[in-house]
């Protein structure tokens, strides 16, 4: 059974970088044809797909976040990492990592995802 687990700080100061890691067990992030994704859900809003790193290593980002976002991976640890630069309080959200099995654009479709982490709250505040 595949499991994903997010880890990282729960509090980040404005203008700093947010860094989260997703550790995957029960399967390799380098096999198959999947988009290992980061999503977030701000308070009172819907899920927003932020970007992904493909099993083959390429990355793709939501255009509105692309200038601030970087997703990388550590294949020896079977992890992938989100870095979001220059955060503001508007970046406060629950952040999720997930495996996306089909890419159909930037919008969120629940049927595109088959495995999820439990989510981690990140608050941007001084």
Foldseek 3Di string as FASTA:
>chain_A
DKAKAKDADQEAEAQAKGKIKIFIPPDALQDDWKWWWKWWAAPPGDIWTAWTATSPGDIDGDVVQVVFWDKGDDRVRRMIMIMGGRDDQVPFTWMKIFIFCDDDDGDDDPVRTDYIHPTGTHGYHD
